[in-house]
Amino acid sequence: MLQLITQVFYWLALATWFGGVLSIVVAAPIIFRTVNEYHPTLPAVLSVNLENQHGTLLAGSIVGNLVRTLVTVELLCAAVMFATILAQWFFIDRTGASLISAVLRSALFVAAVGLVLYDWRFVWPRAWKYRQEYIDHADEPDIANPAKEQFDRFQAESVMILQIILFLLLGMILFSAGIQTRGITYTFGQ
């Protein structure tokens, strides 16, 4: 029974994490495109709207807030998955292909968690710092333009990290498809 509960929580956490990342990866370019189509003006933030900077800032803020919420979900899912992967090591058949799948799945998990932590602790704080610097100095192009370029660069890096995490989680799904436990076999789709 404990094996089944472990598997259920493992798959719930993996599916939730994968779905959350997939939704942001798909939504981010749509948000940027849609907001930029309408050329919004944010007079409370910037006094002028040169080169549709209001739209870029608004879209970046929306995606940033989504990513900030996603990080909380990712960390929760990672904690559940850590516990379930650890428990699975006691239940799995540690021979042949099952062992290789388990090792690969664990390595992909560690890489995904590392990227989440890197994005959360290093990339987004810098992105938001440059976003605030851009807003604070919006009427001073010598300061605002480099800050906006850095904000855009860090935001693009974060989206790229999410795409890599998505790929890693997909790998985990593939290597989890035929989890062999001692005495019980769970296969994906049954």
Protein backbone atom coordinates (compact mmCIF):
# COMPACT_ATOMS: atom_id res chain seq x y z
CA MET A 1 0.00 0.00 0.00
CA LEU A 2 2.85 2.37 0.83
CA GLN A 3 4.30 1.73 -2.62
CA LEU A 4 1.04 2.77 -4.27
CA ILE A 5 0.74 5.93 -2.17
CA THR A 6 4.34 6.82 -3.02
CA GLN A 7 3.63 6.36 -6.72
CA VAL A 8 0.44 8.44 -6.58
CA PHE A 9 2.18 11.38 -4.89
CA TYR A 10 5.16 11.07 -7.23
CA TRP A 11 2.96 11.27 -10.32
CA LEU A 12 0.80 14.09 -8.90
CA ALA A 13 3.87 16.18 -8.10
CA LEU A 14 5.51 15.46 -11.46
CA ALA A 15 2.33 16.19 -13.41
CA THR A 16 1.69 19.41 -11.50
CA TRP A 17 5.27 20.62 -11.96
CA PHE A 18 5.30 19.71 -15.65
CA GLY A 19 1.90 21.33 -16.25
CA GLY A 20 2.88 24.53 -14.47
CA VAL A 21 6.11 24.93 -16.42
CA LEU A 22 4.41 24.03 -19.70
CA SER A 23 1.70 26.63 -19.14
CA ILE A 24 4.26 29.42 -18.53
CA VAL A 25 6.44 28.36 -21.48
CA VAL A 26 3.38 28.45 -23.74
CA ALA A 27 1.81 31.56 -22.20
CA ALA A 28 4.86 33.85 -22.06
CA PRO A 29 5.21 34.51 -25.81
CA ILE A 30 1.43 34.86 -26.16
CA ILE A 31 1.34 37.43 -23.35
CA PHE A 32 4.18 39.44 -24.91
CA ARG A 33 2.62 39.32 -28.36
CA THR A 34 -0.88 40.25 -27.16
CA VAL A 35 0.21 43.10 -24.89
CA ASN A 36 2.53 44.53 -27.55
CA GLU A 37 -0.26 44.40 -30.16
CA TYR A 38 -2.34 46.89 -28.18
CA HIS A 39 0.45 49.35 -27.31
CA PRO A 40 -0.73 50.06 -23.75
CA THR A 41 0.28 53.23 -21.96
CA LEU A 42 1.22 53.18 -18.30
CA PRO A 43 1.36 56.85 -17.30
CA ALA A 44 1.86 55.99 -13.62
CA VAL A 45 5.07 54.13 -14.52
CA LEU A 46 6.62 55.90 -17.51
CA SER A 47 5.87 59.38 -18.83
CA VAL A 48 6.58 58.53 -22.47
CA ASN A 49 6.03 55.36 -24.51
CA LEU A 50 9.07 55.19 -26.76
CA GLU A 51 9.36 52.04 -28.87
CA ASN A 52 6.38 50.48 -27.05
CA GLN A 53 8.38 50.18 -23.83
CA HIS A 54 5.15 50.30 -21.80
CA GLY A 55 3.94 47.10 -23.46
CA THR A 56 7.25 45.32 -22.94
CA LEU A 57 7.34 46.36 -19.30
CA LEU A 58 3.72 45.32 -18.71
CA ALA A 59 4.15 41.94 -20.42
CA GLY A 60 7.39 41.34 -18.53
CA SER A 61 5.68 42.18 -15.25
CA ILE A 62 2.81 39.79 -15.99
CA VAL A 63 5.16 36.95 -16.91
CA GLY A 64 7.36 37.78 -13.92
CA ASN A 65 4.46 37.51 -11.52
CA LEU A 66 3.42 34.21 -13.09
CA VAL A 67 6.97 32.87 -12.75
CA ARG A 68 7.14 34.03 -9.13
CA THR A 69 3.98 32.03 -8.37
CA LEU A 70 5.29 29.07 -10.38
CA VAL A 71 8.46 28.94 -8.28
CA THR A 72 6.37 28.29 -5.17
CA VAL A 73 4.57 25.44 -6.94
CA GLU A 74 7.86 24.08 -8.29
CA LEU A 75 9.48 24.06 -4.86
CA LEU A 76 6.49 22.30 -3.31
CA CYS A 77 6.45 19.71 -6.11
CA ALA A 78 10.22 19.24 -5.78
CA ALA A 79 9.88 18.60 -2.05
CA VAL A 80 7.16 15.98 -2.62
CA MET A 81 9.14 14.41 -5.45
CA PHE A 82 12.31 14.29 -3.35
CA ALA A 83 10.47 12.33 -0.66
CA THR A 84 8.82 10.00 -3.16
CA ILE A 85 11.97 9.38 -5.21
CA LEU A 86 13.81 8.61 -1.99
CA ALA A 87 11.04 6.18 -0.99
CA GLN A 88 11.03 4.63 -4.47
CA TRP A 89 14.67 3.62 -4.02
CA PHE A 90 13.48 1.22 -1.30
CA PHE A 91 10.72 -0.27 -3.49
CA ILE A 92 12.18 -0.43 -6.98
CA ASP A 93 13.77 -3.38 -8.63
CA ARG A 94 17.43 -2.33 -8.63
CA THR A 95 18.59 -4.48 -11.51
CA GLY A 96 19.18 -3.86 -15.20
CA ALA A 97 17.02 -1.31 -16.97
CA SER A 98 15.08 -0.39 -13.81
CA LEU A 99 18.26 0.72 -12.09
CA ILE A 100 19.40 2.74 -15.10
CA SER A 101 15.98 4.42 -15.34
CA ALA A 102 16.01 5.21 -11.63
CA VAL A 103 19.49 6.73 -11.79
CA LEU A 104 18.63 8.81 -14.88
CA ARG A 105 15.34 9.94 -13.35
CA SER A 106 17.15 11.00 -10.16
CA ALA A 107 19.81 12.87 -12.14
CA LEU A 108 17.15 14.70 -14.17
CA PHE A 109 15.38 15.61 -10.93
CA VAL A 110 18.56 17.04 -9.39
CA ALA A 111 19.22 19.07 -12.57
CA ALA A 112 15.65 20.42 -12.63
CA VAL A 113 15.78 21.43 -8.97
CA GLY A 114 19.17 23.07 -9.50
CA LEU A 115 17.77 25.14 -12.36
CA VAL A 116 14.71 26.15 -10.32
CA LEU A 117 16.95 27.33 -7.50
CA TYR A 118 19.27 29.16 -9.91
CA ASP A 119 16.32 30.92 -11.58
CA TRP A 120 14.67 31.75 -8.25
CA ARG A 121 17.74 32.96 -6.36
CA PHE A 122 19.91 34.49 -9.12
CA VAL A 123 18.08 35.26 -12.36
CA TRP A 124 14.77 36.75 -11.21
CA PRO A 125 16.20 38.95 -8.43
CA ARG A 126 18.51 40.52 -11.01
CA ALA A 127 15.70 40.87 -13.53
CA TRP A 128 13.48 42.66 -11.00
CA LYS A 129 16.37 44.85 -9.87
CA TYR A 130 16.90 46.06 -13.44
CA ARG A 131 13.14 46.42 -13.96
CA GLN A 132 12.97 48.72 -10.92
CA GLU A 133 16.06 50.63 -12.05
CA TYR A 134 14.42 51.11 -15.46
CA ILE A 135 11.21 52.41 -13.87
CA ASP A 136 13.06 54.68 -11.43
CA HIS A 137 15.10 56.25 -14.23
CA ALA A 138 12.61 56.05 -17.11
CA ASP A 139 13.13 59.69 -18.04
CA GLU A 140 16.92 59.30 -18.08
CA PRO A 141 17.70 57.25 -21.23
CA ASP A 142 21.40 56.87 -20.35
CA ILE A 143 20.43 54.83 -17.29
CA ALA A 144 17.03 53.46 -18.34
CA ASN A 145 18.01 51.90 -21.66
CA PRO A 146 20.85 49.72 -20.30
CA ALA A 147 18.61 48.71 -17.37
CA LYS A 148 15.83 47.71 -19.76
CA GLU A 149 18.26 45.70 -21.87
CA GLN A 150 19.45 43.86 -18.75
CA PHE A 151 15.84 43.26 -17.64
CA ASP A 152 15.00 41.82 -21.07
CA ARG A 153 18.15 39.68 -21.05
CA PHE A 154 17.48 38.17 -17.61
CA GLN A 155 13.83 37.60 -18.46
CA ALA A 156 14.79 35.78 -21.66
CA GLU A 157 17.30 33.71 -19.65
CA SER A 158 14.53 32.76 -17.23
CA VAL A 159 12.23 31.63 -20.05
CA MET A 160 15.11 29.58 -21.51
CA ILE A 161 15.65 27.98 -18.08
CA LEU A 162 11.94 27.09 -17.95
CA GLN A 163 12.24 25.45 -21.36
CA ILE A 164 15.19 23.38 -20.14
CA ILE A 165 13.29 22.41 -16.98
CA LEU A 166 10.36 21.37 -19.17
CA PHE A 167 12.70 19.11 -21.17
CA LEU A 168 14.16 17.62 -17.96
CA LEU A 169 10.68 16.93 -16.56
CA LEU A 170 9.67 15.31 -19.83
CA GLY A 171 12.72 13.07 -19.48
CA MET A 172 11.60 12.18 -15.97
CA ILE A 173 8.17 11.23 -17.31
CA LEU A 174 9.75 9.03 -19.96
CA PHE A 175 12.12 7.32 -17.51
CA SER A 176 9.30 6.85 -15.00
CA ALA A 177 7.00 5.18 -17.51
CA GLY A 178 7.89 1.65 -16.54
CA ILE A 179 8.72 1.85 -12.86
CA GLN A 180 9.41 -1.68 -11.71
CA THR A 181 8.91 -2.30 -8.01
CA ARG A 182 9.67 -5.50 -6.22
CA GLY A 183 6.63 -7.69 -6.66
CA ILE A 184 4.43 -5.01 -8.31
CA THR A 185 4.81 -3.46 -11.74
CA TYR A 186 3.34 -0.05 -12.54
CA THR A 187 3.41 0.98 -16.15
CA PHE A 188 2.36 4.28 -17.59
CA GLY A 189 -1.19 4.25 -18.90
CA GLN A 190 -2.51 1.30 -16.89
